[in-house]
């Protein structure tokens, strides 16, 4: 998807993961002190439930293709596999 900017994407992913860990743990601890054990779970569950509709509207629609997938008989693959010996070389028959 991003072959020309792979190092940039990996770097940004690492930054976002580290930031999420810091913010999540800090806010979870704050919510625990504020309302007890259940409050962080309730708040984060509600945030996740709000994120689902946002994802639905923000993601682009799937592009439909008219490609068909044909399935062929696997007998030729099976015969080729049978003709190989244990070290992966084909038998001379």
PDB file of N, CA and C in Angstrom:
ATOM      1  N   UNK A   1       0.821  -1.183   0.000  1.00  0.00           N
ATOM      2  CA  UNK A   1       0.000   0.000   0.000  1.00  0.00           C
ATOM      3  C   UNK A   1       0.870   1.253   0.000  1.00  0.00           C
ATOM      4  N   UNK A   2       1.941   1.244   0.755  1.00  0.00           N
ATOM      5  CA  UNK A   2       2.851   2.378   0.810  1.00  0.00           C
ATOM      6  C   UNK A   2       4.278   1.916   0.528  1.00  0.00           C
ATOM      7  N   UNK A   3       4.546   1.312  -0.603  1.00  0.00           N
ATOM      8  CA  UNK A   3       5.882   0.744  -0.808  1.00  0.00           C
ATOM      9  C   UNK A   3       6.989   1.788  -0.871  1.00  0.00           C
ATOM     10  N   UNK A   4       6.675   2.987  -1.360  1.00  0.00           N
ATOM     11  CA  UNK A   4       7.734   3.986  -1.475  1.00  0.00           C
ATOM     12  C   UNK A   4       7.994   4.710  -0.161  1.00  0.00           C
ATOM     13  N   UNK A   5       7.078   4.643   0.790  1.00  0.00           N
ATOM     14  CA  UNK A   5       7.237   5.329   2.074  1.00  0.00           C
ATOM     15  C   UNK A   5       7.177   4.362   3.246  1.00  0.00           C
ATOM     16  N   UNK A   6       7.667   3.165   3.060  1.00  0.00           N
ATOM     17  CA  UNK A   6       7.535   2.138   4.091  1.00  0.00           C
ATOM     18  C   UNK A   6       8.216   2.536   5.395  1.00  0.00           C
ATOM     19  N   UNK A   7       9.408   3.100   5.324  1.00  0.00           N
ATOM     20  CA  UNK A   7      10.113   3.467   6.557  1.00  0.00           C
ATOM     21  C   UNK A   7       9.373   4.575   7.300  1.00  0.00           C
ATOM     22  N   UNK A   8       8.774   5.506   6.577  1.00  0.00           N
ATOM     23  CA  UNK A   8       7.992   6.561   7.219  1.00  0.00           C
ATOM     24  C   UNK A   8       6.767   5.980   7.914  1.00  0.00           C
ATOM     25  N   UNK A   9       6.081   5.068   7.256  1.00  0.00           N
ATOM     26  CA  UNK A   9       4.879   4.464   7.826  1.00  0.00           C
ATOM     27  C   UNK A   9       5.218   3.645   9.067  1.00  0.00           C
ATOM     28  N   UNK A  10       6.305   2.885   9.018  1.00  0.00           N
ATOM     29  CA  UNK A  10       6.716   2.091  10.187  1.00  0.00           C
ATOM     30  C   UNK A  10       7.080   3.018  11.345  1.00  0.00           C
ATOM     31  N   UNK A  11       7.794   4.098  11.064  1.00  0.00           N
ATOM     32  CA  UNK A  11       8.154   5.055  12.104  1.00  0.00           C
ATOM     33  C   UNK A  11       6.939   5.705  12.742  1.00  0.00           C
ATOM     34  N   UNK A  12       5.985   6.131  11.910  1.00  0.00           N
ATOM     35  CA  UNK A  12       4.765   6.739  12.440  1.00  0.00           C
ATOM     36  C   UNK A  12       3.950   5.744  13.256  1.00  0.00           C
ATOM     37  N   UNK A  13       3.930   4.497  12.814  1.00  0.00           N
ATOM     38  CA  UNK A  13       3.215   3.468  13.564  1.00  0.00           C
ATOM     39  C   UNK A  13       3.825   3.289  14.947  1.00  0.00           C
ATOM     40  N   UNK A  14       5.140   3.270  15.024  1.00  0.00           N
ATOM     41  CA  UNK A  14       5.813   3.134  16.317  1.00  0.00           C
ATOM     42  C   UNK A  14       5.510   4.322  17.226  1.00  0.00           C
ATOM     43  N   UNK A  15       5.492   5.530  16.666  1.00  0.00           N
ATOM     44  CA  UNK A  15       5.185   6.724  17.459  1.00  0.00           C
ATOM     45  C   UNK A  15       3.758   6.655  17.994  1.00  0.00           C
ATOM     46  N   UNK A  16       2.809   6.259  17.142  1.00  0.00           N
ATOM     47  CA  UNK A  16       1.419   6.179  17.573  1.00  0.00           C
ATOM     48  C   UNK A  16       1.225   5.100  18.633  1.00  0.00           C
ATOM     49  N   UNK A  17       1.904   3.985  18.504  1.00  0.00           N
ATOM     50  CA  UNK A  17       1.778   2.922  19.503  1.00  0.00           C
ATOM     51  C   UNK A  17       2.328   3.386  20.848  1.00  0.00           C
ATOM     52  N   UNK A  18       3.498   4.018  20.837  1.00  0.00           N
ATOM     53  CA  UNK A  18       4.088   4.506  22.086  1.00  0.00           C
ATOM     54  C   UNK A  18       3.211   5.581  22.715  1.00  0.00           C
ATOM     55  N   UNK A  19       2.672   6.478  21.899  1.00  0.00           N
ATOM     56  CA  UNK A  19       1.789   7.529  22.422  1.00  0.00           C
ATOM     57  C   UNK A  19       0.519   6.934  23.010  1.00  0.00           C
ATOM     58  N   UNK A  20      -0.044   5.942  22.334  1.00  0.00           N
ATOM     59  CA  UNK A  20      -1.270   5.311  22.824  1.00  0.00           C
ATOM     60  C   UNK A  20      -1.027   4.600  24.148  1.00  0.00           C
ATOM     61  N   UNK A  21       0.123   3.952  24.283  1.00  0.00           N
ATOM     62  CA  UNK A  21       0.435   3.290  25.553  1.00  0.00           C
ATOM     63  C   UNK A  21       0.550   4.311  26.677  1.00  0.00           C
ATOM     64  N   UNK A  22       1.226   5.412  26.415  1.00  0.00           N
ATOM     65  CA  UNK A  22       1.400   6.435  27.442  1.00  0.00           C
ATOM     66  C   UNK A  22       0.061   7.056  27.833  1.00  0.00           C
ATOM     67  N   UNK A  23      -0.705   7.474  26.840  1.00  0.00           N
ATOM     68  CA  UNK A  23      -1.989   8.122  27.116  1.00  0.00           C
ATOM     69  C   UNK A  23      -2.976   7.133  27.731  1.00  0.00           C
ATOM     70  N   UNK A  24      -3.013   5.911  27.216  1.00  0.00           N
ATOM     71  CA  UNK A  24      -3.948   4.915  27.736  1.00  0.00           C
ATOM     72  C   UNK A  24      -3.670   4.547  29.177  1.00  0.00           C
ATOM     73  N   UNK A  25      -2.409   4.302  29.490  1.00  0.00           N
ATOM     74  CA  UNK A  25      -2.075   3.940  30.870  1.00  0.00           C
ATOM     75  C   UNK A  25      -2.299   5.105  31.823  1.00  0.00           C
ATOM     76  N   UNK A  26      -1.932   6.303  31.403  1.00  0.00           N
ATOM     77  CA  UNK A  26      -2.121   7.474  32.265  1.00  0.00           C
ATOM     78  C   UNK A  26      -3.593   7.757  32.509  1.00  0.00           C
ATOM     79  N   UNK A  27      -4.380   7.759  31.437  1.00  0.00           N
ATOM     80  CA  UNK A  27      -5.807   8.051  31.604  1.00  0.00           C
ATOM     81  C   UNK A  27      -6.514   6.911  32.329  1.00  0.00           C
ATOM     82  N   UNK A  28      -6.090   5.675  32.103  1.00  0.00           N
ATOM     83  CA  UNK A  28      -6.669   4.549  32.831  1.00  0.00           C
ATOM     84  C   UNK A  28      -6.409   4.651  34.322  1.00  0.00           C
ATOM     85  N   UNK A  29      -5.207   5.029  34.694  1.00  0.00           N
ATOM     86  CA  UNK A  29      -4.890   5.226  36.109  1.00  0.00           C
ATOM     87  C   UNK A  29      -5.675   6.368  36.721  1.00  0.00           C
ATOM     88  N   UNK A  30      -5.812   7.447  35.962  1.00  0.00           N
ATOM     89  CA  UNK A  30      -6.601   8.586  36.444  1.00  0.00           C
ATOM     90  C   UNK A  30      -8.059   8.190  36.661  1.00  0.00           C
ATOM     91  N   UNK A  31      -8.636   7.487  35.690  1.00  0.00           N
ATOM     92  CA  UNK A  31     -10.034   7.060  35.815  1.00  0.00           C
ATOM     93  C   UNK A  31     -10.219   6.053  36.947  1.00  0.00           C
ATOM     94  N   UNK A  32      -9.222   5.210  37.165  1.00  0.00           N
ATOM     95  CA  UNK A  32      -9.291   4.256  38.278  1.00  0.00           C
ATOM     96  C   UNK A  32      -9.329   5.003  39.609  1.00  0.00           C
ATOM     97  N   UNK A  33      -8.470   6.007  39.752  1.00  0.00           N
ATOM     98  CA  UNK A  33      -8.468   6.796  40.987  1.00  0.00           C
ATOM     99  C   UNK A  33      -9.761   7.585  41.147  1.00  0.00           C
ATOM    100  N   UNK A  34     -10.342   7.991  40.040  1.00  0.00           N
ATOM    101  CA  UNK A  34     -11.554   8.802  40.084  1.00  0.00           C
ATOM    102  C   UNK A  34     -12.795   7.978  40.412  1.00  0.00           C
ATOM    103  N   UNK A  35     -12.929   6.796  39.799  1.00  0.00           N
ATOM    104  CA  UNK A  35     -14.185   6.073  39.953  1.00  0.00           C
ATOM    105  C   UNK A  35     -14.072   4.603  40.252  1.00  0.00           C
ATOM    106  N   UNK A  36     -12.893   4.099  40.522  1.00  0.00           N
ATOM    107  CA  UNK A  36     -12.755   2.692  40.851  1.00  0.00           C
ATOM    108  C   UNK A  36     -12.409   1.827  39.653  1.00  0.00           C
ATOM    109  N   UNK A  37     -12.504   0.517  39.878  1.00  0.00           N
ATOM    110  CA  UNK A  37     -12.044  -0.460  38.897  1.00  0.00           C
ATOM    111  C   UNK A  37     -12.851  -0.438  37.602  1.00  0.00           C
ATOM    112  N   UNK A  38     -14.163  -0.254  37.690  1.00  0.00           N
ATOM    113  CA  UNK A  38     -15.022  -0.366  36.509  1.00  0.00           C
ATOM    114  C   UNK A  38     -14.973   0.858  35.593  1.00  0.00           C
ATOM    115  N   UNK A  39     -14.700   2.027  36.124  1.00  0.00           N
ATOM    116  CA  UNK A  39     -14.809   3.256  35.334  1.00  0.00           C
ATOM    117  C   UNK A  39     -13.904   3.286  34.104  1.00  0.00           C
ATOM    118  N   UNK A  40     -12.633   2.891  34.168  1.00  0.00           N
ATOM    119  CA  UNK A  40     -11.827   2.909  32.936  1.00  0.00           C
ATOM    120  C   UNK A  40     -12.403   2.015  31.844  1.00  0.00           C
ATOM    121  N   UNK A  41     -12.934   0.857  32.220  1.00  0.00           N
ATOM    122  CA  UNK A  41     -13.507  -0.055  31.230  1.00  0.00           C
ATOM    123  C   UNK A  41     -14.761   0.538  30.597  1.00  0.00           C
ATOM    124  N   UNK A  42     -15.588   1.162  31.412  1.00  0.00           N
ATOM    125  CA  UNK A  42     -16.822   1.760  30.887  1.00  0.00           C
ATOM    126  C   UNK A  42     -16.493   2.894  29.922  1.00  0.00           C
ATOM    127  N   UNK A  43     -15.590   3.768  30.310  1.00  0.00           N
ATOM    128  CA  UNK A  43     -15.237   4.917  29.462  1.00  0.00           C
ATOM    129  C   UNK A  43     -14.597   4.455  28.160  1.00  0.00           C
ATOM    130  N   UNK A  44     -13.646   3.542  28.234  1.00  0.00           N
ATOM    131  CA  UNK A  44     -12.967   3.097  27.012  1.00  0.00           C
ATOM    132  C   UNK A  44     -13.895   2.277  26.122  1.00  0.00           C
ATOM    133  N   UNK A  45     -14.815   1.521  26.719  1.00  0.00           N
ATOM    134  CA  UNK A  45     -15.806   0.808  25.903  1.00  0.00           C
ATOM    135  C   UNK A  45     -16.707   1.786  25.158  1.00  0.00           C
ATOM    136  N   UNK A  46     -17.128   2.845  25.827  1.00  0.00           N
ATOM    137  CA  UNK A  46     -17.955   3.854  25.161  1.00  0.00           C
ATOM    138  C   UNK A  46     -17.186   4.544  24.034  1.00  0.00           C
ATOM    139  N   UNK A  47     -15.911   4.809  24.257  1.00  0.00           N
ATOM    140  CA  UNK A  47     -15.097   5.419  23.192  1.00  0.00           C
ATOM    141  C   UNK A  47     -14.968   4.485  21.995  1.00  0.00           C
ATOM    142  N   UNK A  48     -14.800   3.199  22.263  1.00  0.00           N
ATOM    143  CA  UNK A  48     -14.718   2.235  21.162  1.00  0.00           C
ATOM    144  C   UNK A  48     -16.040   2.144  20.412  1.00  0.00           C
ATOM    145  N   UNK A  49     -17.150   2.187  21.131  1.00  0.00           N
ATOM    146  CA  UNK A  49     -18.456   2.150  20.474  1.00  0.00           C
ATOM    147  C   UNK A  49     -18.685   3.387  19.612  1.00  0.00           C
ATOM    148  N   UNK A  50     -18.146   4.530  20.025  1.00  0.00           N
ATOM    149  CA  UNK A  50     -18.249   5.737  19.205  1.00  0.00           C
ATOM    150  C   UNK A  50     -17.343   5.667  17.981  1.00  0.00           C
ATOM    151  N   UNK A  51     -16.257   4.925  18.085  1.00  0.00           N
ATOM    152  CA  UNK A  51     -15.310   4.836  16.971  1.00  0.00           C
ATOM    153  C   UNK A  51     -15.849   3.994  15.822  1.00  0.00           C
ATOM    154  N   UNK A  52     -16.729   3.046  16.105  1.00  0.00           N
ATOM    155  CA  UNK A  52     -17.250   2.167  15.045  1.00  0.00           C
ATOM    156  C   UNK A  52     -18.018   2.954  13.985  1.00  0.00           C
ATOM    157  N   UNK A  53     -18.984   3.812  14.356  1.00  0.00           N
ATOM    158  CA  UNK A  53     -19.651   4.592  13.305  1.00  0.00           C
ATOM    159  C   UNK A  53     -18.703   5.548  12.580  1.00  0.00           C
ATOM    160  N   UNK A  54     -17.735   6.102  13.308  1.00  0.00           N
ATOM    161  CA  UNK A  54     -16.762   6.982  12.653  1.00  0.00           C
ATOM    162  C   UNK A  54     -15.983   6.217  11.601  1.00  0.00           C
ATOM    163  N   UNK A  55     -15.555   5.010  11.920  1.00  0.00           N
ATOM    164  CA  UNK A  55     -14.826   4.194  10.950  1.00  0.00           C
ATOM    165  C   UNK A  55     -15.682   3.884   9.735  1.00  0.00           C
ATOM    166  N   UNK A  56     -16.940   3.601   9.970  1.00  0.00           N
ATOM    167  CA  UNK A  56     -17.843   3.254   8.869  1.00  0.00           C
ATOM    168  C   UNK A  56     -17.952   4.408   7.870  1.00  0.00           C
ATOM    169  N   UNK A  57     -18.046   5.628   8.369  1.00  0.00           N
ATOM    170  CA  UNK A  57     -18.211   6.771   7.475  1.00  0.00           C
ATOM    171  C   UNK A  57     -16.892   7.304   6.931  1.00  0.00           C
ATOM    172  N   UNK A  58     -15.785   7.063   7.620  1.00  0.00           N
ATOM    173  CA  UNK A  58     -14.499   7.603   7.174  1.00  0.00           C
ATOM    174  C   UNK A  58     -13.784   6.700   6.183  1.00  0.00           C
ATOM    175  N   UNK A  59     -14.002   5.396   6.263  1.00  0.00           N
ATOM    176  CA  UNK A  59     -13.316   4.482   5.354  1.00  0.00           C
ATOM    177  C   UNK A  59     -13.938   4.558   3.969  1.00  0.00           C
ATOM    178  N   UNK A  60     -13.102   4.492   2.930  1.00  0.00           N
ATOM    179  CA  UNK A  60     -13.657   4.532   1.573  1.00  0.00           C
ATOM    180  C   UNK A  60     -14.405   3.239   1.273  1.00  0.00           C
ATOM    181  N   UNK A  61     -15.398   3.304   0.397  1.00  0.00           N
ATOM    182  CA  UNK A  61     -16.132   2.080   0.054  1.00  0.00           C
ATOM    183  C   UNK A  61     -15.258   1.120  -0.740  1.00  0.00           C
ATOM    184  N   UNK A  62     -15.578  -0.163  -0.639  1.00  0.00           N
ATOM    185  CA  UNK A  62     -14.848  -1.169  -1.406  1.00  0.00           C
ATOM    186  C   UNK A  62     -15.117  -0.972  -2.885  1.00  0.00           C
ATOM    187  N   UNK A  63     -14.071  -1.174  -3.673  1.00  0.00           N
ATOM    188  CA  UNK A  63     -14.250  -1.109  -5.115  1.00  0.00           C
ATOM    189  C   UNK A  63     -14.602  -2.502  -5.599  1.00  0.00           C
ATOM    190  N   UNK A  64     -15.724  -2.605  -6.274  1.00  0.00           N
ATOM    191  CA  UNK A  64     -16.134  -3.908  -6.779  1.00  0.00           C
ATOM    192  C   UNK A  64     -15.413  -4.188  -8.081  1.00  0.00           C
ATOM    193  N   UNK A  65     -14.959  -5.409  -8.224  1.00  0.00           N
ATOM    194  CA  UNK A  65     -14.288  -5.812  -9.455  1.00  0.00           C
ATOM    195  C   UNK A  65     -15.111  -6.888 -10.130  1.00  0.00           C
ATOM    196  N   UNK A  66     -14.910  -7.026 -11.398  1.00  0.00           N
ATOM    197  CA  UNK A  66     -15.623  -8.044 -12.162  1.00  0.00           C
ATOM    198  C   UNK A  66     -14.738  -9.251 -12.417  1.00  0.00           C
ATOM    199  N   UNK A  67     -13.768  -9.467 -11.566  1.00  0.00           N
ATOM    200  CA  UNK A  67     -12.862 -10.593 -11.734  1.00  0.00           C
ATOM    201  C   UNK A  67     -13.526 -11.858 -11.201  1.00  0.00           C
ATOM    202  N   UNK A  68     -13.306 -12.938 -11.911  1.00  0.00           N
ATOM    203  CA  UNK A  68     -13.815 -14.224 -11.447  1.00  0.00           C
ATOM    204  C   UNK A  68     -12.642 -15.112 -11.078  1.00  0.00           C
ATOM    205  N   UNK A  69     -12.851 -15.915 -10.095  1.00  0.00           N
ATOM    206  CA  UNK A  69     -11.821 -16.841  -9.643  1.00  0.00           C
ATOM    207  C   UNK A  69     -12.222 -18.225 -10.120  1.00  0.00           C
ATOM    208  N   UNK A  70     -11.307 -18.857 -10.838  1.00  0.00           N
ATOM    209  CA  UNK A  70     -11.595 -20.212 -11.304  1.00  0.00           C
ATOM    210  C   UNK A  70     -10.753 -21.185 -10.510  1.00  0.00           C
ATOM    211  N   UNK A  71     -11.341 -22.281 -10.197  1.00  0.00           N
ATOM    212  CA  UNK A  71     -10.644 -23.306  -9.427  1.00  0.00           C
ATOM    213  C   UNK A  71     -10.373 -24.483 -10.344  1.00  0.00           C
ATOM    214  N   UNK A  72      -9.133 -24.894 -10.357  1.00  0.00           N
ATOM    215  CA  UNK A  72      -8.768 -26.033 -11.193  1.00  0.00           C
ATOM    216  C   UNK A  72      -8.546 -27.246 -10.322  1.00  0.00           C
ATOM    217  N   UNK A  73      -8.537 -28.375 -10.939  1.00  0.00           N
ATOM    218  CA  UNK A  73      -8.320 -29.613 -10.215  1.00  0.00           C
ATOM    219  C   UNK A  73      -6.910 -29.620  -9.647  1.00  0.00           C
ATOM    220  N   UNK A  74      -6.763 -30.088  -8.440  1.00  0.00           N
ATOM    221  CA  UNK A  74      -5.456 -30.125  -7.802  1.00  0.00           C
ATOM    222  C   UNK A  74      -4.690 -31.399  -8.076  1.00  0.00           C
ATOM    223  N   UNK A  75      -5.141 -32.203  -9.039  1.00  0.00           N
ATOM    224  CA  UNK A  75      -4.486 -33.490  -9.279  1.00  0.00           C
ATOM    225  C   UNK A  75      -3.065 -33.312  -9.795  1.00  0.00           C
ATOM    226  N   UNK A  76      -2.810 -32.285 -10.600  1.00  0.00           N
ATOM    227  CA  UNK A  76      -1.450 -32.098 -11.111  1.00  0.00           C
ATOM    228  C   UNK A  76      -0.498 -31.724  -9.984  1.00  0.00           C
ATOM    229  N   UNK A  77      -0.986 -30.925  -9.024  1.00  0.00           N
ATOM    230  CA  UNK A  77      -0.159 -30.585  -7.875  1.00  0.00           C
ATOM    231  C   UNK A  77       0.110 -31.818  -7.023  1.00  0.00           C
ATOM    232  N   UNK A  78      -0.894 -32.654  -6.879  1.00  0.00           N
ATOM    233  CA  UNK A  78      -0.738 -33.866  -6.086  1.00  0.00           C
ATOM    234  C   UNK A  78       0.243 -34.821  -6.745  1.00  0.00           C
ATOM    235  N   UNK A  79       0.163 -34.952  -8.058  1.00  0.00           N
ATOM    236  CA  UNK A  79       1.090 -35.830  -8.769  1.00  0.00           C
ATOM    237  C   UNK A  79       2.515 -35.306  -8.677  1.00  0.00           C
ATOM    238  N   UNK A  80       2.693 -34.001  -8.772  1.00  0.00           N
ATOM    239  CA  UNK A  80       4.031 -33.424  -8.656  1.00  0.00           C
ATOM    240  C   UNK A  80       4.584 -33.646  -7.259  1.00  0.00           C
ATOM    241  N   UNK A  81       3.720 -33.540  -6.260  1.00  0.00           N
ATOM    242  CA  UNK A  81       4.149 -33.754  -4.885  1.00  0.00           C
ATOM    243  C   UNK A  81       4.531 -35.206  -4.650  1.00  0.00           C
ATOM    244  N   UNK A  82       3.801 -36.140  -5.248  1.00  0.00           N
ATOM    245  CA  UNK A  82       4.112 -37.557  -5.090  1.00  0.00           C
ATOM    246  C   UNK A  82       5.421 -37.923  -5.768  1.00  0.00           C
ATOM    247  N   UNK A  83       5.759 -37.217  -6.839  1.00  0.00           N
ATOM    248  CA  UNK A  83       6.970 -37.572  -7.574  1.00  0.00           C
ATOM    249  C   UNK A  83       8.233 -37.057  -6.891  1.00  0.00           C
ATOM    250  N   UNK A  84       8.084 -36.235  -5.866  1.00  0.00           N
ATOM    251  CA  UNK A  84       9.253 -35.739  -5.143  1.00  0.00           C
ATOM    252  C   UNK A  84       9.628 -36.737  -4.056  1.00  0.00           C
ATOM    253  N   UNK A  85      10.927 -36.908  -3.872  1.00  0.00           N
ATOM    254  CA  UNK A  85      11.348 -37.761  -2.762  1.00  0.00           C
ATOM    255  C   UNK A  85      11.531 -36.899  -1.517  1.00  0.00           C
ATOM    256  N   UNK A  86      12.087 -37.429  -0.464  1.00  0.00           N
ATOM    257  CA  UNK A  86      12.126 -36.740   0.825  1.00  0.00           C
ATOM    258  C   UNK A  86      12.985 -35.487   0.829  1.00  0.00           C
ATOM    259  N   UNK A  87      13.965 -35.371  -0.035  1.00  0.00           N
ATOM    260  CA  UNK A  87      14.799 -34.177  -0.016  1.00  0.00           C
ATOM    261  C   UNK A  87      14.302 -33.107  -0.985  1.00  0.00           C
ATOM    262  N   UNK A  88      13.116 -33.268  -1.560  1.00  0.00           N
ATOM    263  CA  UNK A  88      12.523 -32.241  -2.390  1.00  0.00           C
ATOM    264  C   UNK A  88      12.890 -32.319  -3.852  1.00  0.00           C
ATOM    265  N   UNK A  89      13.697 -33.290  -4.246  1.00  0.00           N
ATOM    266  CA  UNK A  89      14.076 -33.431  -5.646  1.00  0.00           C
ATOM    267  C   UNK A  89      13.100 -34.361  -6.346  1.00  0.00           C
ATOM    268  N   UNK A  90      12.871 -34.105  -7.641  1.00  0.00           N
ATOM    269  CA  UNK A  90      11.939 -34.948  -8.383  1.00  0.00           C
ATOM    270  C   UNK A  90      12.593 -36.271  -8.729  1.00  0.00           C
ATOM    271  N   UNK A  91      11.805 -37.317  -8.670  1.00  0.00           N
ATOM    272  CA  UNK A  91      12.295 -38.655  -9.007  1.00  0.00           C
ATOM    273  C   UNK A  91      12.443 -38.790 -10.515  1.00  0.00           C
ATOM    274  N   UNK A  92      13.442 -39.517 -10.923  1.00  0.00           N
ATOM    275  CA  UNK A  92      13.656 -39.803 -12.341  1.00  0.00           C
ATOM    276  C   UNK A  92      12.978 -41.119 -12.661  1.00  0.00           C
ATOM    277  N   UNK A  93      11.769 -41.081 -13.174  1.00  0.00           N
ATOM    278  CA  UNK A  93      11.044 -42.310 -13.483  1.00  0.00           C
ATOM    279  C   UNK A  93      10.972 -42.542 -14.948  1.00  0.00           C
TER     280      UNK A  93
END
